PDB file of N, CA and C in Angstrom:
ATOM      1  N   MET A   1     -68.114  -0.596  48.020  1.00  0.00           N
ATOM      2  CA  MET A   1     -68.662   0.185  47.103  1.00  0.00           C
ATOM      3  C   MET A   1     -69.524   1.037  47.876  1.00  0.00           C
ATOM      4  N   ILE A   2     -69.438   2.217  46.316  1.00  0.00           N
ATOM      5  CA  ILE A   2     -70.806   3.046  46.750  1.00  0.00           C
ATOM      6  C   ILE A   2     -71.051   3.422  45.363  1.00  0.00           C
ATOM      7  N   SER A   3     -72.438   3.792  44.941  1.00  0.00           N
ATOM      8  CA  SER A   3     -72.677   4.164  43.518  1.00  0.00           C
ATOM      9  C   SER A   3     -73.145   5.603  43.448  1.00  0.00           C
ATOM     10  N   ILE A   4     -73.646   5.865  43.173  1.00  0.00           N
ATOM     11  CA  ILE A   4     -74.300   7.400  42.725  1.00  0.00           C
ATOM     12  C   ILE A   4     -74.359   7.701  41.220  1.00  0.00           C
ATOM     13  N   GLN A   5     -76.096   8.440  40.850  1.00  0.00           N
ATOM     14  CA  GLN A   5     -76.262   8.822  39.902  1.00  0.00           C
ATOM     15  C   GLN A   5     -76.493  10.078  39.743  1.00  0.00           C
ATOM     16  N   LEU A   6     -75.696  11.001  38.898  1.00  0.00           N
ATOM     17  CA  LEU A   6     -75.892  12.102  38.799  1.00  0.00           C
ATOM     18  C   LEU A   6     -76.633  12.847  36.872  1.00  0.00           C
ATOM     19  N   GLN A   7     -77.788  13.516  37.972  1.00  0.00           N
ATOM     20  CA  GLN A   7     -79.349  13.845  36.654  1.00  0.00           C
ATOM     21  C   GLN A   7     -77.720  15.263  36.030  1.00  0.00           C
ATOM     22  N   GLY A   8     -77.592  14.634  34.780  1.00  0.00           N
ATOM     23  CA  GLY A   8     -77.494  15.385  33.416  1.00  0.00           C
ATOM     24  C   GLY A   8     -77.768  15.638  32.387  1.00  0.00           C
ATOM     25  N   LYS A   9     -77.696  16.612  31.293  1.00  0.00           N
ATOM     26  CA  LYS A   9     -77.804  16.515  29.784  1.00  0.00           C
ATOM     27  C   LYS A   9     -76.560  16.617  29.239  1.00  0.00           C
ATOM     28  N   PRO A  10     -76.446  15.748  28.388  1.00  0.00           N
ATOM     29  CA  PRO A  10     -77.909  15.322  27.525  1.00  0.00           C
ATOM     30  C   PRO A  10     -77.671  13.638  27.923  1.00  0.00           C
ATOM     31  N   THR A  11     -76.885  13.495  29.239  1.00  0.00           N
ATOM     32  CA  THR A  11     -77.187  11.970  29.723  1.00  0.00           C
ATOM     33  C   THR A  11     -76.571  12.231  31.347  1.00  0.00           C
ATOM     34  N   ASN A  12     -77.053  11.124  32.124  1.00  0.00           N
ATOM     35  CA  ASN A  12     -77.026  11.106  33.468  1.00  0.00           C
ATOM     36  C   ASN A  12     -75.588  10.659  33.279  1.00  0.00           C
ATOM     37  N   LEU A  13     -75.141  10.450  34.941  1.00  0.00           N
ATOM     38  CA  LEU A  13     -74.071   9.981  34.991  1.00  0.00           C
ATOM     39  C   LEU A  13     -73.914   8.941  36.383  1.00  0.00           C
ATOM     40  N   THR A  14     -73.063   7.680  36.428  1.00  0.00           N
ATOM     41  CA  THR A  14     -73.519   7.668  37.333  1.00  0.00           C
ATOM     42  C   THR A  14     -71.856   7.217  37.765  1.00  0.00           C
ATOM     43  N   ILE A  15     -71.394   7.427  39.130  1.00  0.00           N
ATOM     44  CA  ILE A  15     -70.297   6.931  39.689  1.00  0.00           C
ATOM     45  C   ILE A  15     -70.245   5.719  40.561  1.00  0.00           C
ATOM     46  N   ILE A  16     -68.927   4.510  40.559  1.00  0.00           N
ATOM     47  CA  ILE A  16     -69.190   3.754  41.168  1.00  0.00           C
ATOM     48  C   ILE A  16     -67.510   3.946  42.018  1.00  0.00           C
ATOM     49  N   GLN A  17     -67.325   4.056  43.151  1.00  0.00           N
ATOM     50  CA  GLN A  17     -66.404   4.205  44.400  1.00  0.00           C
ATOM     51  C   GLN A  17     -66.003   2.572  44.389  1.00  0.00           C
ATOM     52  N   ILE A  18     -65.328   2.387  43.896  1.00  0.00           N
ATOM     53  CA  ILE A  18     -64.409   0.733  44.520  1.00  0.00           C
ATOM     54  C   ILE A  18     -62.983   0.512  45.329  1.00  0.00           C
ATOM     55  N   TYR A  19     -63.009  -0.433  45.764  1.00  0.00           N
ATOM     56  CA  TYR A  19     -61.530  -0.967  46.268  1.00  0.00           C
ATOM     57  C   TYR A  19     -61.712  -2.281  46.483  1.00  0.00           C
ATOM     58  N   ALA A  20     -60.826  -2.746  45.140  1.00  0.00           N
ATOM     59  CA  ALA A  20     -60.686  -4.532  45.291  1.00  0.00           C
ATOM     60  C   ALA A  20     -59.525  -4.770  46.149  1.00  0.00           C
ATOM     61  N   PRO A  21     -60.284  -5.835  46.176  1.00  0.00           N
ATOM     62  CA  PRO A  21     -58.951  -6.618  47.036  1.00  0.00           C
ATOM     63  C   PRO A  21     -57.841  -6.901  46.588  1.00  0.00           C
ATOM     64  N   THR A  22     -57.344  -7.049  47.097  1.00  0.00           N
ATOM     65  CA  THR A  22     -55.672  -7.112  46.997  1.00  0.00           C
ATOM     66  C   THR A  22     -54.793  -8.921  46.664  1.00  0.00           C
ATOM     67  N   THR A  23     -54.195  -8.790  45.602  1.00  0.00           N
ATOM     68  CA  THR A  23     -53.841 -10.056  45.006  1.00  0.00           C
ATOM     69  C   THR A  23     -53.582 -11.680  46.292  1.00  0.00           C
ATOM     70  N   GLU A  24     -53.993 -10.543  47.454  1.00  0.00           N
ATOM     71  CA  GLU A  24     -53.375 -12.057  48.205  1.00  0.00           C
ATOM     72  C   GLU A  24     -54.404 -12.490  49.568  1.00  0.00           C
ATOM     73  N   ALA A  25     -55.517 -11.444  49.043  1.00  0.00           N
ATOM     74  CA  ALA A  25     -56.952 -11.998  49.229  1.00  0.00           C
ATOM     75  C   ALA A  25     -57.575 -13.269  49.105  1.00  0.00           C
ATOM     76  N   GLU A  26     -58.192 -13.990  49.726  1.00  0.00           N
ATOM     77  CA  GLU A  26     -59.179 -15.639  49.540  1.00  0.00           C
ATOM     78  C   GLU A  26     -59.420 -14.969  47.999  1.00  0.00           C
ATOM     79  N   GLU A  27     -59.372 -16.524  47.145  1.00  0.00           N
ATOM     80  CA  GLU A  27     -60.409 -16.447  46.084  1.00  0.00           C
ATOM     81  C   GLU A  27     -61.657 -16.344  45.942  1.00  0.00           C
ATOM     82  N   SER A  28     -62.536 -16.264  46.747  1.00  0.00           N
ATOM     83  CA  SER A  28     -63.722 -16.111  47.373  1.00  0.00           C
ATOM     84  C   SER A  28     -64.328 -14.827  47.174  1.00  0.00           C
ATOM     85  N   THR A  29     -62.786 -13.929  48.134  1.00  0.00           N
ATOM     86  CA  THR A  29     -63.510 -12.788  48.545  1.00  0.00           C
ATOM     87  C   THR A  29     -63.314 -11.703  46.837  1.00  0.00           C
ATOM     88  N   ILE A  30     -62.245 -12.005  46.336  1.00  0.00           N
ATOM     89  CA  ILE A  30     -62.028 -11.723  44.962  1.00  0.00           C
ATOM     90  C   ILE A  30     -63.404 -11.807  43.936  1.00  0.00           C
ATOM     91  N   ASP A  31     -63.939 -13.286  44.024  1.00  0.00           N
ATOM     92  CA  ASP A  31     -65.510 -13.349  43.363  1.00  0.00           C
ATOM     93  C   ASP A  31     -66.350 -12.609  43.675  1.00  0.00           C
ATOM     94  N   ASP A  32     -66.523 -12.660  44.850  1.00  0.00           N
ATOM     95  CA  ASP A  32     -67.423 -11.779  45.802  1.00  0.00           C
ATOM     96  C   ASP A  32     -67.665 -10.027  45.008  1.00  0.00           C
ATOM     97  N   PHE A  33     -66.322 -10.158  45.188  1.00  0.00           N
ATOM     98  CA  PHE A  33     -66.495  -8.304  45.323  1.00  0.00           C
ATOM     99  C   PHE A  33     -66.618  -8.335  43.710  1.00  0.00           C
ATOM    100  N   TYR A  34     -66.161  -9.008  42.523  1.00  0.00           N
ATOM    101  CA  TYR A  34     -66.845  -8.828  41.343  1.00  0.00           C
ATOM    102  C   TYR A  34     -67.691  -9.258  40.936  1.00  0.00           C
ATOM    103  N   MET A  35     -68.536 -10.448  41.934  1.00  0.00           N
ATOM    104  CA  MET A  35     -70.276 -10.406  41.237  1.00  0.00           C
ATOM    105  C   MET A  35     -70.772  -9.231  41.742  1.00  0.00           C
ATOM    106  N   ASP A  36     -70.455  -8.377  42.866  1.00  0.00           N
ATOM    107  CA  ASP A  36     -70.915  -7.220  43.609  1.00  0.00           C
ATOM    108  C   ASP A  36     -71.137  -6.199  42.394  1.00  0.00           C
ATOM    109  N   LEU A  37     -69.645  -5.928  41.891  1.00  0.00           N
ATOM    110  CA  LEU A  37     -70.041  -4.989  41.265  1.00  0.00           C
ATOM    111  C   LEU A  37     -70.729  -4.833  40.097  1.00  0.00           C
ATOM    112  N   GLN A  38     -70.370  -5.789  39.352  1.00  0.00           N
ATOM    113  CA  GLN A  38     -71.502  -6.439  38.511  1.00  0.00           C
ATOM    114  C   GLN A  38     -72.738  -6.705  38.355  1.00  0.00           C
ATOM    115  N   GLN A  39     -73.761  -6.500  39.861  1.00  0.00           N
ATOM    116  CA  GLN A  39     -74.461  -6.548  39.997  1.00  0.00           C
ATOM    117  C   GLN A  39     -74.929  -5.235  40.128  1.00  0.00           C
ATOM    118  N   ILE A  40     -73.917  -4.158  40.648  1.00  0.00           N
ATOM    119  CA  ILE A  40     -74.307  -2.881  40.499  1.00  0.00           C
ATOM    120  C   ILE A  40     -74.657  -1.987  39.075  1.00  0.00           C
ATOM    121  N   LEU A  41     -73.190  -2.346  38.187  1.00  0.00           N
ATOM    122  CA  LEU A  41     -72.905  -2.258  36.899  1.00  0.00           C
ATOM    123  C   LEU A  41     -74.518  -2.390  36.033  1.00  0.00           C
ATOM    124  N   ASP A  42     -75.075  -3.989  36.595  1.00  0.00           N
ATOM    125  CA  ASP A  42     -76.310  -4.666  35.785  1.00  0.00           C
ATOM    126  C   ASP A  42     -77.177  -3.714  36.348  1.00  0.00           C
ATOM    127  N   ASP A  43     -76.976  -2.856  37.093  1.00  0.00           N
ATOM    128  CA  ASP A  43     -78.190  -2.229  37.772  1.00  0.00           C
ATOM    129  C   ASP A  43     -78.463  -0.526  36.777  1.00  0.00           C
ATOM    130  N   VAL A  44     -77.441  -0.364  36.585  1.00  0.00           N
ATOM    131  CA  VAL A  44     -77.362   0.768  36.328  1.00  0.00           C
ATOM    132  C   VAL A  44     -77.815   1.397  35.082  1.00  0.00           C
ATOM    133  N   PRO A  45     -79.136   2.516  34.584  1.00  0.00           N
ATOM    134  CA  PRO A  45     -79.981   1.814  33.175  1.00  0.00           C
ATOM    135  C   PRO A  45     -78.370   2.416  32.321  1.00  0.00           C
ATOM    136  N   LYS A  46     -78.794   1.740  31.297  1.00  0.00           N
ATOM    137  CA  LYS A  46     -78.355   1.596  30.005  1.00  0.00           C
ATOM    138  C   LYS A  46     -78.000   2.685  28.565  1.00  0.00           C
ATOM    139  N   LYS A  47     -78.521   4.010  29.551  1.00  0.00           N
ATOM    140  CA  LYS A  47     -78.340   5.556  28.777  1.00  0.00           C
ATOM    141  C   LYS A  47     -77.284   6.174  29.522  1.00  0.00           C
ATOM    142  N   ASP A  48     -76.438   5.658  30.829  1.00  0.00           N
ATOM    143  CA  ASP A  48     -76.171   6.082  31.557  1.00  0.00           C
ATOM    144  C   ASP A  48     -74.188   6.419  30.775  1.00  0.00           C
ATOM    145  N   ALA A  49     -73.554   7.321  31.260  1.00  0.00           N
ATOM    146  CA  ALA A  49     -72.204   7.351  31.071  1.00  0.00           C
ATOM    147  C   ALA A  49     -71.514   6.976  32.482  1.00  0.00           C
ATOM    148  N   ILE A  50     -70.875   6.342  32.379  1.00  0.00           N
ATOM    149  CA  ILE A  50     -70.244   5.280  34.196  1.00  0.00           C
ATOM    150  C   ILE A  50     -68.855   5.615  34.395  1.00  0.00           C
ATOM    151  N   LEU A  51     -68.566   5.835  35.126  1.00  0.00           N
ATOM    152  CA  LEU A  51     -67.486   6.122  35.556  1.00  0.00           C
ATOM    153  C   LEU A  51     -66.807   5.009  36.974  1.00  0.00           C
ATOM    154  N   ILE A  52     -66.084   4.117  37.072  1.00  0.00           N
ATOM    155  CA  ILE A  52     -65.476   3.244  37.820  1.00  0.00           C
ATOM    156  C   ILE A  52     -64.566   4.006  37.847  1.00  0.00           C
ATOM    157  N   ILE A  53     -64.210   4.424  39.609  1.00  0.00           N
ATOM    158  CA  ILE A  53     -63.212   4.972  40.651  1.00  0.00           C
ATOM    159  C   ILE A  53     -62.339   4.199  41.560  1.00  0.00           C
ATOM    160  N   GLY A  54     -61.781   3.926  41.867  1.00  0.00           N
ATOM    161  CA  GLY A  54     -61.209   4.018  43.168  1.00  0.00           C
ATOM    162  C   GLY A  54     -59.880   3.071  42.843  1.00  0.00           C
ATOM    163  N   ASP A  55     -59.771   1.976  43.811  1.00  0.00           N
ATOM    164  CA  ASP A  55     -57.948   1.491  43.853  1.00  0.00           C
ATOM    165  C   ASP A  55     -58.317  -0.119  43.328  1.00  0.00           C
ATOM    166  N   TRP A  56     -58.272  -0.765  42.293  1.00  0.00           N
ATOM    167  CA  TRP A  56     -57.971  -1.820  42.000  1.00  0.00           C
ATOM    168  C   TRP A  56     -57.480  -2.261  42.095  1.00  0.00           C
ATOM    169  N   ASN A  57     -55.937  -2.400  42.509  1.00  0.00           N
ATOM    170  CA  ASN A  57     -55.128  -3.509  43.165  1.00  0.00           C
ATOM    171  C   ASN A  57     -54.442  -4.480  42.004  1.00  0.00           C
ATOM    172  N   ALA A  58     -54.078  -3.456  41.333  1.00  0.00           N
ATOM    173  CA  ALA A  58     -54.218  -4.116  39.703  1.00  0.00           C
ATOM    174  C   ALA A  58     -53.113  -3.438  38.721  1.00  0.00           C
ATOM    175  N   LYS A  59     -52.268  -4.221  37.622  1.00  0.00           N
ATOM    176  CA  LYS A  59     -51.161  -3.505  37.446  1.00  0.00           C
ATOM    177  C   LYS A  59     -51.348  -4.232  35.436  1.00  0.00           C
ATOM    178  N   VAL A  60     -51.932  -3.114  35.207  1.00  0.00           N
ATOM    179  CA  VAL A  60     -52.528  -3.330  33.738  1.00  0.00           C
ATOM    180  C   VAL A  60     -50.756  -3.438  33.041  1.00  0.00           C
ATOM    181  N   GLY A  61     -50.059  -2.917  32.998  1.00  0.00           N
ATOM    182  CA  GLY A  61     -48.340  -3.072  32.665  1.00  0.00           C
ATOM    183  C   GLY A  61     -48.548  -2.281  31.421  1.00  0.00           C
ATOM    184  N   GLU A  62     -47.264  -2.339  30.621  1.00  0.00           N
ATOM    185  CA  GLU A  62     -47.339  -1.331  29.221  1.00  0.00           C
ATOM    186  C   GLU A  62     -47.635  -1.846  28.095  1.00  0.00           C
ATOM    187  N   THR A  63     -47.932  -3.070  28.406  1.00  0.00           N
ATOM    188  CA  THR A  63     -48.986  -3.298  26.858  1.00  0.00           C
ATOM    189  C   THR A  63     -50.074  -3.175  26.558  1.00  0.00           C
ATOM    190  N   ALA A  64     -50.119  -2.165  25.621  1.00  0.00           N
ATOM    191  CA  ALA A  64     -51.953  -2.103  25.333  1.00  0.00           C
ATOM    192  C   ALA A  64     -52.177  -3.221  24.845  1.00  0.00           C
ATOM    193  N   VAL A  65     -53.596  -3.684  25.122  1.00  0.00           N
ATOM    194  CA  VAL A  65     -54.352  -4.248  24.630  1.00  0.00           C
ATOM    195  C   VAL A  65     -55.781  -3.293  23.945  1.00  0.00           C
ATOM    196  N   PRO A  66     -55.744  -3.517  22.893  1.00  0.00           N
ATOM    197  CA  PRO A  66     -56.566  -2.537  22.122  1.00  0.00           C
ATOM    198  C   PRO A  66     -58.323  -2.708  22.610  1.00  0.00           C
ATOM    199  N   GLY A  67     -58.651  -1.519  22.234  1.00  0.00           N
ATOM    200  CA  GLY A  67     -60.253  -1.353  22.860  1.00  0.00           C
ATOM    201  C   GLY A  67     -59.892  -1.122  24.896  1.00  0.00           C
ATOM    202  N   ILE A  68     -59.461  -1.742  25.861  1.00  0.00           N
ATOM    203  CA  ILE A  68     -59.316  -1.710  27.031  1.00  0.00           C
ATOM    204  C   ILE A  68     -58.212  -1.290  27.595  1.00  0.00           C
ATOM    205  N   VAL A  69     -56.943  -1.620  27.225  1.00  0.00           N
ATOM    206  CA  VAL A  69     -55.703  -0.514  28.053  1.00  0.00           C
ATOM    207  C   VAL A  69     -54.753   0.291  26.810  1.00  0.00           C
ATOM    208  N   GLY A  70     -54.592   1.812  26.897  1.00  0.00           N
ATOM    209  CA  GLY A  70     -54.099   2.191  26.355  1.00  0.00           C
ATOM    210  C   GLY A  70     -52.372   2.237  26.665  1.00  0.00           C
ATOM    211  N   LYS A  71     -51.341   2.697  25.739  1.00  0.00           N
ATOM    212  CA  LYS A  71     -50.116   2.227  25.548  1.00  0.00           C
ATOM    213  C   LYS A  71     -49.659   3.254  27.049  1.00  0.00           C
ATOM    214  N   PHE A  72     -49.865   3.803  27.652  1.00  0.00           N
ATOM    215  CA  PHE A  72     -49.015   4.808  29.265  1.00  0.00           C
ATOM    216  C   PHE A  72     -49.517   4.331  30.178  1.00  0.00           C
ATOM    217  N   GLY A  73     -50.090   2.268  30.367  1.00  0.00           N
ATOM    218  CA  GLY A  73     -49.913   1.560  31.634  1.00  0.00           C
ATOM    219  C   GLY A  73     -48.686   1.709  32.504  1.00  0.00           C
ATOM    220  N   LEU A  74     -48.096   1.756  33.381  1.00  0.00           N
ATOM    221  CA  LEU A  74     -47.199   1.381  34.165  1.00  0.00           C
ATOM    222  C   LEU A  74     -46.460  -0.040  34.821  1.00  0.00           C
ATOM    223  N   GLY A  75     -45.550  -0.495  34.906  1.00  0.00           N
ATOM    224  CA  GLY A  75     -44.881  -1.308  35.676  1.00  0.00           C
ATOM    225  C   GLY A  75     -45.307  -2.930  34.960  1.00  0.00           C
ATOM    226  N   LYS A  76     -44.810  -3.743  35.644  1.00  0.00           N
ATOM    227  CA  LYS A  76     -45.907  -5.457  34.961  1.00  0.00           C
ATOM    228  C   LYS A  76     -46.568  -5.589  35.259  1.00  0.00           C
ATOM    229  N   ARG A  77     -47.455  -6.108  34.453  1.00  0.00           N
ATOM    230  CA  ARG A  77     -48.648  -6.438  35.344  1.00  0.00           C
ATOM    231  C   ARG A  77     -48.102  -7.859  36.613  1.00  0.00           C
ATOM    232  N   ASN A  78     -49.730  -7.788  37.363  1.00  0.00           N
ATOM    233  CA  ASN A  78     -49.255  -8.626  38.441  1.00  0.00           C
ATOM    234  C   ASN A  78     -50.908  -9.774  38.795  1.00  0.00           C
ATOM    235  N   GLU A  79     -51.372 -10.351  39.394  1.00  0.00           N
ATOM    236  CA  GLU A  79     -51.955 -11.209  39.417  1.00  0.00           C
ATOM    237  C   GLU A  79     -53.657 -11.207  39.215  1.00  0.00           C
ATOM    238  N   ALA A  80     -53.500  -9.546  39.578  1.00  0.00           N
ATOM    239  CA  ALA A  80     -55.136  -9.218  39.408  1.00  0.00           C
ATOM    240  C   ALA A  80     -55.431  -8.555  38.003  1.00  0.00           C
ATOM    241  N   ASP A  81     -54.062  -8.437  37.100  1.00  0.00           N
ATOM    242  CA  ASP A  81     -54.868  -8.353  35.602  1.00  0.00           C
ATOM    243  C   ASP A  81     -55.556  -8.744  35.088  1.00  0.00           C
ATOM    244  N   GLU A  82     -55.543  -9.713  35.102  1.00  0.00           N
ATOM    245  CA  GLU A  82     -55.937 -10.565  33.953  1.00  0.00           C
ATOM    246  C   GLU A  82     -57.513 -10.566  34.659  1.00  0.00           C
ATOM    247  N   ARG A  83     -58.439 -10.306  35.685  1.00  0.00           N
ATOM    248  CA  ARG A  83     -59.323 -10.277  35.779  1.00  0.00           C
ATOM    249  C   ARG A  83     -60.016  -9.183  35.631  1.00  0.00           C
ATOM    250  N   LEU A  84     -59.051  -7.986  35.729  1.00  0.00           N
ATOM    251  CA  LEU A  84     -59.675  -6.667  35.705  1.00  0.00           C
ATOM    252  C   LEU A  84     -59.635  -6.860  34.229  1.00  0.00           C
ATOM    253  N   LEU A  85     -58.716  -7.232  33.482  1.00  0.00           N
ATOM    254  CA  LEU A  85     -59.293  -6.834  31.983  1.00  0.00           C
ATOM    255  C   LEU A  85     -60.153  -8.036  31.128  1.00  0.00           C
ATOM    256  N   ASP A  86     -60.308  -8.928  32.029  1.00  0.00           N
ATOM    257  CA  ASP A  86     -61.676  -9.768  31.682  1.00  0.00           C
ATOM    258  C   ASP A  86     -63.189  -9.060  32.396  1.00  0.00           C
ATOM    259  N   PHE A  87     -62.884  -8.392  32.960  1.00  0.00           N
ATOM    260  CA  PHE A  87     -64.338  -7.329  33.716  1.00  0.00           C
ATOM    261  C   PHE A  87     -64.314  -6.665  32.732  1.00  0.00           C
ATOM    262  N   CYS A  88     -63.607  -5.785  32.264  1.00  0.00           N
ATOM    263  CA  CYS A  88     -63.612  -4.674  31.727  1.00  0.00           C
ATOM    264  C   CYS A  88     -64.126  -5.030  29.466  1.00  0.00           C
ATOM    265  N   GLN A  89     -63.774  -6.083  29.125  1.00  0.00           N
ATOM    266  CA  GLN A  89     -64.541  -6.436  27.961  1.00  0.00           C
ATOM    267  C   GLN A  89     -65.780  -6.999  28.256  1.00  0.00           C
ATOM    268  N   GLU A  90     -66.013  -7.582  29.246  1.00  0.00           N
ATOM    269  CA  GLU A  90     -66.883  -8.382  29.087  1.00  0.00           C
ATOM    270  C   GLU A  90     -68.011  -6.896  28.817  1.00  0.00           C
ATOM    271  N   ASN A  91     -67.809  -5.734  29.772  1.00  0.00           N
ATOM    272  CA  ASN A  91     -68.654  -4.912  29.377  1.00  0.00           C
ATOM    273  C   ASN A  91     -67.786  -3.643  29.210  1.00  0.00           C
ATOM    274  N   HIS A  92     -67.119  -4.127  28.092  1.00  0.00           N
ATOM    275  CA  HIS A  92     -67.017  -3.112  27.284  1.00  0.00           C
ATOM    276  C   HIS A  92     -66.430  -1.814  27.786  1.00  0.00           C
ATOM    277  N   MET A  93     -65.886  -1.450  28.553  1.00  0.00           N
ATOM    278  CA  MET A  93     -64.784  -0.702  29.552  1.00  0.00           C
ATOM    279  C   MET A  93     -63.551  -0.359  29.017  1.00  0.00           C
ATOM    280  N   ILE A  94     -63.208   0.753  28.962  1.00  0.00           N
ATOM    281  CA  ILE A  94     -61.950   1.174  28.801  1.00  0.00           C
ATOM    282  C   ILE A  94     -61.471   1.427  30.300  1.00  0.00           C
ATOM    283  N   ILE A  95     -59.846   1.073  30.503  1.00  0.00           N
ATOM    284  CA  ILE A  95     -59.020   1.537  31.412  1.00  0.00           C
ATOM    285  C   ILE A  95     -58.193   3.108  31.358  1.00  0.00           C
ATOM    286  N   THR A  96     -58.967   4.025  31.070  1.00  0.00           N
ATOM    287  CA  THR A  96     -58.970   5.730  30.136  1.00  0.00           C
ATOM    288  C   THR A  96     -57.841   5.845  30.718  1.00  0.00           C
ATOM    289  N   ASN A  97     -56.831   5.834  32.205  1.00  0.00           N
ATOM    290  CA  ASN A  97     -55.804   6.414  32.476  1.00  0.00           C
ATOM    291  C   ASN A  97     -54.574   5.540  31.834  1.00  0.00           C
ATOM    292  N   THR A  98     -54.601   4.734  31.334  1.00  0.00           N
ATOM    293  CA  THR A  98     -53.232   4.226  30.468  1.00  0.00           C
ATOM    294  C   THR A  98     -53.465   4.459  28.742  1.00  0.00           C
ATOM    295  N   CYS A  99     -54.321   5.626  28.624  1.00  0.00           N
ATOM    296  CA  CYS A  99     -54.291   5.900  27.767  1.00  0.00           C
ATOM    297  C   CYS A  99     -53.755   7.768  26.913  1.00  0.00           C
ATOM    298  N   PHE A 100     -53.358   8.400  28.425  1.00  0.00           N
ATOM    299  CA  PHE A 100     -52.659   9.379  28.213  1.00  0.00           C
ATOM    300  C   PHE A 100     -51.640   9.820  29.116  1.00  0.00           C
ATOM    301  N   GLN A 101     -50.701   9.741  28.905  1.00  0.00           N
ATOM    302  CA  GLN A 101     -49.134  10.003  29.465  1.00  0.00           C
ATOM    303  C   GLN A 101     -48.818  11.171  30.340  1.00  0.00           C
TER     304      GLN A 101
END
């Protein structure tokens, strides 16, 4: 993971680049990944706009989840989807690439 804060007006932008463990990784590795990411996110100033980009190794599927997943997801959900959806819900985040065709 890497994080950068860009100074901007009217708000700053924090970009966090990630590469999530695959579904074949040990549960402790996945737990550590999400704990580390949460720590980085908690350290971001509350007024910053935040983008988390990279490879989540998760498929959220075609089913929309109001406020989190749009109607343009692809494929069928995999094992990593629930953890990602929970993370997004807890942090009030949207998986934006599922909102546009």
